[in-house]
Amino acid sequence: MLKPSDYQLRDPNQLITPCLLVYPERIRSNIEAMIRIAGSVERLRPHVKTHKTPQVVQLQQDFGIHKFKCATLCEAKMLGECEAADVLIAYPQIGPAIDLLVQLVEKFPKTRFSTVVDDLQAAQALNEAMLAASQSVGVLVDIDNGMHRTGIPAGDQAVALYRFLCEAQALVPRGLHVYDGQNHQPDRSERETAVANLMQPVRRMVEQLRAEDRTVETLVCGGTPTFPVFANYELDIPGTELECSPGTSIFSDFNYGHDYPDIAGIQPAAILMTRVISKQAGAQTFTLDLGNKAVAADPPAGKRCHFLSLPDAKELKQNEEHLRVESSVADSVAVGDVHYVVPAHICPTVALHRFVQVVEGGELVDCWEVTARDRIYRVH
């Protein structure tokens, strides 16, 4: 059970609200839990989309984690600046994004970059750009296993695309990207069944490629919900390693903590601090400065916040800078009171804040810039 005392600042008047607090001790604890679940650091390729900060990358590197996954080129640039050894950009590079990827490969020679493809023409364009720059880049075929967002099904078309990667002069085939974001069943056994089913065609594809003497180095699998499932999955294909790529687990949030108790040891490490800015006379309601510009609005309205000190709080209406709340203890609430909130979805919440406030032992000790929340719009 989460306790307000675990997150409270001794002097909250140092900060104007709303703001996002992070707790390095809890981040370290989550990293230890991730390594324990995965079985080793070599089995981990955590996604940086949740935190987007070089300081958290450094904390992971301190534990020996050297492989990372990202979605944006700004995140990839941040990882290059952190001298991350191995970076997978799990997002198709199209148009001028290919030119920027070439620049990143040139600028950060200490980092082994890879990306994903699901289209032959895009792969050809990537090969031509790398050839023109006398560079090379790793590539994984992006497998659609039911999410229908990007990727192609494991089968003949995917095999043909992988063959092209093997023959292309400036592309290095690294394996398959198998993200199953559609699998978020609270029941562990249902997730296990889903993973077992989706992996059957993937295994057949790997075996076919290996029969052709083609190297399939890595399968990068799953996100946070299926992290413990893939961590226990027996791949047993010589020469092919399975890597887990959880993201949300580094900070956690209310929904994941509530829905997936089998992700043992993970606890919220990022909390919103908010203040009461108005109180409605004679009503069991009051207003906080926690609008949808401070907390992720992708969960349904009314289900975006978990109030640590107001367990019965009900979100009535949220605007850009306001959140009206109903509570049975509204009579005891005063304008100016500080409250601590676990967001339902932490990843887009972090992206709403340019800086996070660092708390250790109840004291404000630092401020980290969320450097990779920005986007790169121009190649030069």
Protein backbone atom coordinates (compact mmCIF):
# COMPACT_ATOMS: atom_id res chain seq x y z
CA MET A 1 0.00 0.00 0.00
CA LEU A 2 1.31 3.42 -0.99
CA LYS A 3 1.72 5.86 1.88
CA PRO A 4 1.82 9.67 1.52
CA SER A 5 4.70 9.79 4.02
CA ASP A 6 6.90 7.86 1.58
CA TYR A 7 6.77 10.74 -0.89
CA GLN A 8 6.22 13.93 1.09
CA LEU A 9 8.63 16.84 0.93
CA ARG A 10 9.61 18.27 4.29
CA ASP A 11 9.38 21.76 2.84
CA PRO A 12 6.92 21.76 -0.09
CA ASN A 13 7.02 25.57 -0.20
CA GLN A 14 10.25 25.34 -2.17
CA LEU A 15 8.23 24.40 -5.24
CA ILE A 16 5.44 25.96 -7.26
CA THR A 17 2.88 23.39 -8.32
CA PRO A 18 2.00 21.42 -10.32
CA CYS A 19 5.36 19.66 -10.54
CA LEU A 20 6.73 16.18 -10.98
CA LEU A 21 8.91 14.69 -8.24
CA VAL A 22 11.28 11.75 -8.80
CA TYR A 23 12.94 9.61 -6.15
CA PRO A 24 16.38 8.14 -7.06
CA GLU A 25 16.28 5.58 -4.24
CA ARG A 26 13.07 4.14 -5.67
CA ILE A 27 14.46 4.29 -9.21
CA ARG A 28 17.46 2.23 -8.09
CA SER A 29 15.13 -0.23 -6.38
CA ASN A 30 13.12 -0.57 -9.59
CA ILE A 31 16.29 -1.16 -11.61
CA GLU A 32 17.32 -3.92 -9.20
CA ALA A 33 13.86 -5.48 -9.56
CA MET A 34 14.06 -5.29 -13.36
CA ILE A 35 17.43 -7.06 -13.36
CA ARG A 36 16.10 -9.68 -10.94
CA ILE A 37 13.04 -10.35 -13.11
CA ALA A 38 15.09 -10.47 -16.33
CA GLY A 39 17.69 -12.74 -14.78
CA SER A 40 20.68 -10.62 -15.87
CA VAL A 41 21.56 -7.22 -17.30
CA GLU A 42 22.32 -8.91 -20.62
CA ARG A 43 18.66 -9.86 -20.96
CA LEU A 44 17.55 -6.23 -20.51
CA ARG A 45 17.07 -3.52 -23.12
CA PRO A 46 14.94 -0.98 -21.22
CA HIS A 47 12.97 1.61 -23.16
CA VAL A 48 13.84 5.24 -22.33
CA LYS A 49 10.48 6.66 -23.46
CA THR A 50 9.21 6.81 -19.89
CA HIS A 51 11.90 8.98 -18.32
CA LYS A 52 13.70 10.67 -21.27
CA THR A 53 16.50 11.85 -18.96
CA PRO A 54 20.27 11.20 -19.10
CA GLN A 55 20.47 10.92 -15.30
CA VAL A 56 18.20 7.87 -15.32
CA VAL A 57 20.26 6.37 -18.15
CA GLN A 58 23.33 6.87 -15.96
CA LEU A 59 21.63 5.14 -13.02
CA GLN A 60 20.93 2.15 -15.26
CA GLN A 61 24.49 2.17 -16.58
CA ASP A 62 25.75 2.14 -12.98
CA PHE A 63 24.01 -1.25 -12.65
CA GLY A 64 25.71 -2.55 -15.78
CA ILE A 65 22.83 -2.04 -18.22
CA HIS A 66 24.34 -1.04 -21.56
CA LYS A 67 21.60 -1.82 -24.11
CA PHE A 68 18.68 0.55 -24.54
CA LYS A 69 15.59 0.99 -26.67
CA CYS A 70 14.00 4.26 -27.77
CA ALA A 71 11.36 5.60 -30.13
CA THR A 72 12.48 9.09 -31.17
CA LEU A 73 15.66 10.40 -32.70
CA CYS A 74 15.92 12.89 -29.84
CA GLU A 75 15.95 9.96 -27.42
CA ALA A 76 18.60 8.28 -29.60
CA LYS A 77 20.70 11.45 -29.51
CA MET A 78 20.43 11.57 -25.71
CA LEU A 79 21.62 7.96 -25.51
CA GLY A 80 24.54 8.74 -27.82
CA GLU A 81 25.51 11.63 -25.56
CA CYS A 82 25.37 9.18 -22.62
CA GLU A 83 27.77 6.90 -24.55
CA ALA A 84 25.28 4.06 -24.38
CA ALA A 85 26.93 1.02 -25.96
CA ASP A 86 23.92 -0.33 -27.87
CA VAL A 87 20.80 1.58 -28.93
CA LEU A 88 17.76 0.26 -30.79
CA ILE A 89 15.52 2.91 -32.32
CA ALA A 90 12.31 0.89 -32.43
CA TYR A 91 10.60 3.15 -34.92
CA PRO A 92 10.66 3.18 -38.75
CA GLN A 93 13.01 5.83 -40.15
CA ILE A 94 11.35 7.46 -43.14
CA GLY A 95 12.30 10.42 -45.37
CA PRO A 96 14.67 12.98 -43.82
CA ALA A 97 14.73 11.00 -40.57
CA ILE A 98 17.10 8.63 -42.39
CA ASP A 99 19.54 11.50 -42.95
CA LEU A 100 19.44 12.38 -39.26
CA LEU A 101 20.08 8.75 -38.34
CA VAL A 102 23.15 8.82 -40.58
CA GLN A 103 24.36 11.89 -38.69
CA LEU A 104 23.85 10.17 -35.33
CA VAL A 105 25.83 7.14 -36.50
CA GLU A 106 28.64 9.45 -37.60
CA LYS A 107 28.57 11.63 -34.48
CA PHE A 108 28.51 8.84 -31.87
CA PRO A 109 30.92 6.10 -33.01
CA LYS A 110 31.01 4.58 -29.49
CA THR A 111 27.32 3.65 -29.80
CA ARG A 112 26.10 0.72 -31.88
CA PHE A 113 22.85 1.98 -33.40
CA SER A 114 20.09 -0.19 -34.83
CA THR A 115 16.63 0.55 -36.14
CA VAL A 116 13.60 -1.38 -37.42
CA VAL A 117 12.04 -1.84 -40.85
CA ASP A 118 8.81 -3.35 -42.11
CA ASP A 119 8.99 -2.13 -45.72
CA LEU A 120 11.39 -3.07 -48.52
CA GLN A 121 11.52 0.38 -50.11
CA ALA A 122 12.27 1.99 -46.74
CA ALA A 123 15.04 -0.55 -46.17
CA GLN A 124 16.49 0.20 -49.62
CA ALA A 125 16.44 3.95 -48.90
CA LEU A 126 18.18 3.36 -45.56
CA ASN A 127 20.84 1.22 -47.25
CA GLU A 128 21.48 3.84 -49.95
CA ALA A 129 21.83 6.66 -47.41
CA MET A 130 24.28 4.66 -45.27
CA LEU A 131 26.29 3.66 -48.35
CA ALA A 132 26.54 7.28 -49.49
CA ALA A 133 27.95 8.21 -46.07
CA SER A 134 30.29 5.18 -45.93
CA GLN A 135 28.48 4.05 -42.78
CA SER A 136 26.44 1.05 -41.71
CA VAL A 137 23.62 0.48 -39.26
CA GLY A 138 21.99 -2.50 -37.61
CA VAL A 139 18.43 -3.38 -38.60
CA LEU A 140 15.73 -5.59 -37.09
CA VAL A 141 12.60 -6.62 -38.94
CA ASP A 142 9.58 -5.26 -37.09
CA ILE A 143 7.08 -8.07 -36.52
CA ASP A 144 3.35 -7.38 -36.28
CA ASN A 145 2.02 -10.01 -33.89
CA GLY A 146 -1.46 -8.58 -33.46
CA MET A 147 -1.13 -4.92 -32.52
CA HIS A 148 -1.46 -3.78 -36.16
CA ARG A 149 0.45 -0.55 -35.62
CA THR A 150 3.73 -1.13 -37.43
CA GLY A 151 5.44 -4.30 -38.58
CA ILE A 152 4.62 -7.24 -40.81
CA PRO A 153 3.53 -10.73 -39.76
CA ALA A 154 6.22 -13.34 -39.24
CA GLY A 155 6.06 -15.21 -42.54
CA ASP A 156 7.16 -15.14 -46.16
CA GLN A 157 7.17 -11.34 -46.58
CA ALA A 158 9.16 -10.85 -43.37
CA VAL A 159 11.61 -13.58 -44.41
CA ALA A 160 12.12 -11.90 -47.79
CA LEU A 161 12.78 -8.57 -46.08
CA TYR A 162 15.30 -10.19 -43.74
CA ARG A 163 17.07 -11.75 -46.72
CA PHE A 164 17.44 -8.26 -48.18
CA LEU A 165 19.02 -7.03 -44.94
CA CYS A 166 21.52 -9.89 -45.12
CA GLU A 167 22.51 -8.95 -48.66
CA ALA A 168 22.48 -5.14 -48.33
CA GLN A 169 25.95 -3.59 -48.24
CA ALA A 170 25.34 -1.04 -45.48
CA LEU A 171 22.77 -2.82 -43.31
CA VAL A 172 23.62 -5.33 -40.60
CA PRO A 173 20.82 -7.82 -39.83
CA ARG A 174 20.40 -7.99 -36.07
CA GLY A 175 17.19 -9.95 -35.59
CA LEU A 176 13.51 -9.30 -34.98
CA HIS A 177 11.58 -6.72 -32.99
CA VAL A 178 8.55 -8.36 -31.36
CA TYR A 179 6.51 -5.77 -29.45
CA ASP A 180 3.12 -6.93 -28.18
CA GLY A 181 1.50 -3.77 -26.84
CA GLN A 182 -1.93 -5.33 -27.31
CA ASN A 183 -1.24 -7.80 -24.50
CA HIS A 184 -2.16 -6.11 -21.23
CA GLN A 185 -4.34 -8.75 -19.61
CA PRO A 186 -4.29 -8.42 -15.80
CA ASP A 187 -4.33 -12.21 -15.49
CA ARG A 188 -0.78 -13.58 -15.73
CA SER A 189 -1.84 -16.89 -17.26
CA GLU A 190 -3.69 -15.10 -20.06
CA ARG A 191 -0.57 -13.09 -20.87
CA GLU A 192 1.48 -16.28 -20.86
CA THR A 193 -0.92 -17.91 -23.31
CA ALA A 194 -0.87 -14.83 -25.56
CA VAL A 195 2.92 -14.76 -25.61
CA ALA A 196 3.16 -18.50 -26.34
CA ASN A 197 0.77 -18.09 -29.27
CA LEU A 198 2.44 -15.05 -30.81
CA MET A 199 5.88 -16.62 -30.53
CA GLN A 200 4.99 -19.71 -32.57
CA PRO A 201 5.25 -18.02 -36.01
CA VAL A 202 8.26 -16.02 -34.79
CA ARG A 203 10.08 -19.23 -33.88
CA ARG A 204 9.21 -20.78 -37.25
CA MET A 205 10.61 -17.73 -39.02
CA VAL A 206 13.85 -17.84 -37.02
CA GLU A 207 14.25 -21.55 -37.74
CA GLN A 208 13.68 -20.96 -41.47
CA LEU A 209 16.30 -18.21 -41.57
CA ARG A 210 18.78 -20.31 -39.62
CA ALA A 211 18.20 -23.19 -42.06
CA GLU A 212 19.37 -20.75 -44.76
CA ASP A 213 22.52 -20.03 -42.71
CA ARG A 214 21.33 -16.51 -41.85
CA THR A 215 22.20 -15.08 -38.44
CA VAL A 216 19.32 -13.99 -36.21
CA GLU A 217 21.21 -12.41 -33.34
CA THR A 218 18.41 -11.10 -31.16
CA LEU A 219 14.69 -11.08 -30.52
CA VAL A 220 13.74 -7.85 -28.72
CA CYS A 221 10.44 -8.70 -27.09
CA GLY A 222 7.59 -7.15 -25.15
CA GLY A 223 6.99 -4.11 -23.02
CA THR A 224 6.22 -3.79 -19.33
CA PRO A 225 3.01 -5.90 -19.06
CA THR A 226 4.60 -8.97 -20.67
CA PHE A 227 8.07 -8.31 -19.24
CA PRO A 228 7.90 -11.08 -16.58
CA VAL A 229 6.40 -13.46 -19.15
CA PHE A 230 9.16 -12.97 -21.71
CA ALA A 231 11.74 -13.06 -18.90
CA ASN A 232 10.61 -16.64 -18.19
CA TYR A 233 10.11 -17.65 -21.82
CA GLU A 234 12.31 -20.56 -22.92
CA LEU A 235 13.59 -19.60 -26.36
CA ASP A 236 16.16 -22.40 -26.65
CA ILE A 237 17.37 -21.46 -30.14
CA PRO A 238 21.20 -21.65 -30.28
CA GLY A 239 22.75 -18.40 -31.48
CA THR A 240 19.62 -16.31 -30.87
CA GLU A 241 19.16 -14.31 -27.66
CA LEU A 242 15.92 -12.93 -26.25
CA GLU A 243 15.97 -9.43 -24.75
CA CYS A 244 13.21 -7.83 -22.67
CA SER A 245 12.41 -4.16 -23.17
CA PRO A 246 10.23 -2.82 -20.34
CA GLY A 247 9.79 0.94 -20.18
CA THR A 248 7.17 2.06 -17.67
CA SER A 249 8.67 -0.07 -14.91
CA ILE A 250 11.52 2.40 -14.32
CA PHE A 251 9.07 4.91 -12.78
CA SER A 252 5.89 2.79 -12.67
CA ASP A 253 2.45 4.37 -12.34
CA PHE A 254 -0.90 3.64 -10.73
CA ASN A 255 -2.41 1.57 -13.54
CA TYR A 256 0.58 -0.73 -13.99
CA GLY A 257 1.10 -1.07 -10.25
CA HIS A 258 -2.56 -1.97 -9.79
CA ASP A 259 -2.99 -4.23 -12.83
CA TYR A 260 0.26 -6.22 -12.77
CA PRO A 261 1.18 -7.35 -9.25
CA ASP A 262 3.34 -10.08 -10.79
CA ILE A 263 5.91 -7.42 -11.77
CA ALA A 264 7.33 -7.84 -8.28
CA GLY A 265 9.34 -5.13 -6.58
CA ILE A 266 8.35 -2.29 -8.89
CA GLN A 267 7.05 0.80 -7.08
CA PRO A 268 6.12 4.35 -8.12
CA ALA A 269 9.23 6.52 -8.40
CA ALA A 270 7.62 9.62 -9.92
CA ILE A 271 4.82 11.52 -8.19
CA LEU A 272 2.91 14.70 -8.97
CA MET A 273 2.67 17.39 -6.33
CA THR A 274 -0.40 19.66 -6.51
CA ARG A 275 -2.13 22.31 -4.38
CA VAL A 276 -5.70 23.23 -3.58
CA ILE A 277 -6.31 26.55 -5.33
CA SER A 278 -10.03 26.97 -4.66
CA LYS A 279 -12.72 25.52 -2.40
CA GLN A 280 -16.41 25.51 -3.18
CA ALA A 281 -18.42 26.79 -0.18
CA GLY A 282 -20.93 24.32 1.20
CA ALA A 283 -19.89 21.57 -1.19
CA GLN A 284 -17.76 18.47 -0.90
CA THR A 285 -15.60 19.73 -3.74
CA PHE A 286 -12.42 21.72 -4.28
CA THR A 287 -10.12 22.56 -7.17
CA LEU A 288 -6.47 21.61 -7.68
CA ASP A 289 -3.89 23.11 -10.00
CA LEU A 290 -3.56 19.76 -11.80
CA GLY A 291 -4.96 20.23 -15.28
CA ASN A 292 -4.46 18.02 -18.29
CA LYS A 293 -1.32 19.97 -19.19
CA ALA A 294 0.35 18.45 -16.11
CA VAL A 295 -0.95 14.87 -16.05
CA ALA A 296 -1.53 12.50 -18.97
CA ALA A 297 -4.99 12.84 -20.49
CA ASP A 298 -5.00 9.54 -22.38
CA PRO A 299 -6.65 7.58 -19.54
CA PRO A 300 -10.41 8.24 -19.50
CA ALA A 301 -11.56 11.39 -17.72
CA GLY A 302 -12.01 10.67 -14.03
CA LYS A 303 -9.34 7.96 -14.01
CA ARG A 304 -6.14 9.94 -14.42
CA CYS A 305 -5.04 10.43 -10.81
CA HIS A 306 -4.63 8.42 -7.61
CA PHE A 307 -4.56 10.65 -4.54
CA LEU A 308 -2.31 9.27 -1.82
CA SER A 309 -3.91 11.27 0.99
CA LEU A 310 -7.46 11.31 -0.40
CA PRO A 311 -8.37 7.66 -1.07
CA ASP A 312 -12.02 8.43 -1.86
CA ALA A 313 -11.27 11.42 -4.12
CA LYS A 314 -13.34 11.52 -7.29
CA GLU A 315 -12.24 13.53 -10.31
CA LEU A 316 -15.26 15.57 -11.44
CA LYS A 317 -13.95 17.78 -14.22
CA GLN A 318 -10.53 18.53 -15.64
CA ASN A 319 -9.51 21.45 -17.82
CA GLU A 320 -6.12 22.58 -19.06
CA GLU A 321 -5.00 23.99 -15.69
CA HIS A 322 -7.71 22.87 -13.25
CA LEU A 323 -8.98 19.67 -11.68
CA ARG A 324 -12.17 19.74 -9.64
CA VAL A 325 -12.34 16.96 -7.05
CA GLU A 326 -15.01 15.59 -4.73
CA SER A 327 -14.12 14.01 -1.39
CA SER A 328 -15.86 13.12 1.85
CA VAL A 329 -13.11 14.98 3.73
CA ALA A 330 -13.48 18.18 1.72
CA ASP A 331 -14.48 20.03 4.91
CA SER A 332 -10.99 19.53 6.29
CA VAL A 333 -9.27 20.65 3.10
CA ALA A 334 -7.96 24.21 2.95
CA VAL A 335 -6.80 26.40 0.09
CA GLY A 336 -3.04 25.97 -0.22
CA ASP A 337 -2.98 22.34 0.99
CA VAL A 338 -0.45 20.13 -0.77
CA HIS A 339 -1.44 16.73 -2.14
CA TYR A 340 0.57 13.96 -3.81
CA VAL A 341 -0.80 12.13 -6.83
CA VAL A 342 0.28 8.94 -8.60
CA PRO A 343 -0.55 9.42 -12.29
CA ALA A 344 -2.46 6.65 -14.00
CA HIS A 345 -0.06 6.82 -16.96
CA ILE A 346 3.43 8.10 -16.25
CA CYS A 347 5.05 8.08 -19.71
CA PRO A 348 3.08 10.94 -21.32
CA THR A 349 2.94 12.68 -17.93
CA VAL A 350 6.74 12.99 -17.90
CA ALA A 351 6.65 14.42 -21.42
CA LEU A 352 4.48 17.29 -20.14
CA HIS A 353 7.24 18.49 -17.78
CA ARG A 354 10.46 20.12 -18.93
CA PHE A 355 12.10 19.44 -15.57
CA VAL A 356 11.60 16.87 -12.80
CA GLN A 357 12.38 17.70 -9.18
CA VAL A 358 14.67 15.22 -7.43
CA VAL A 359 13.83 14.19 -3.84
CA GLU A 360 15.96 12.15 -1.45
CA GLY A 361 15.12 11.64 2.21
CA GLY A 362 12.27 14.12 1.99
CA GLU A 363 14.59 16.87 0.77
CA LEU A 364 14.72 18.57 -2.61
CA VAL A 365 18.26 17.83 -3.82
CA ASP A 366 18.36 18.45 -7.57
CA CYS A 367 16.47 19.24 -10.76
CA TRP A 368 16.82 17.12 -13.91
CA GLU A 369 15.93 18.35 -17.37
CA VAL A 370 13.79 15.99 -19.41
CA THR A 371 16.06 16.53 -22.39
CA ALA A 372 14.53 13.99 -24.77
CA ARG A 373 10.96 15.28 -24.46
CA ASP A 374 11.71 17.61 -27.37
CA ARG A 375 11.69 16.69 -31.04
CA ILE A 376 14.23 17.33 -33.75
CA TYR A 377 12.56 18.99 -36.74
CA ARG A 378 15.46 19.76 -39.07
CA VAL A 379 18.30 17.59 -40.28
CA HIS A 380 20.85 20.42 -40.02
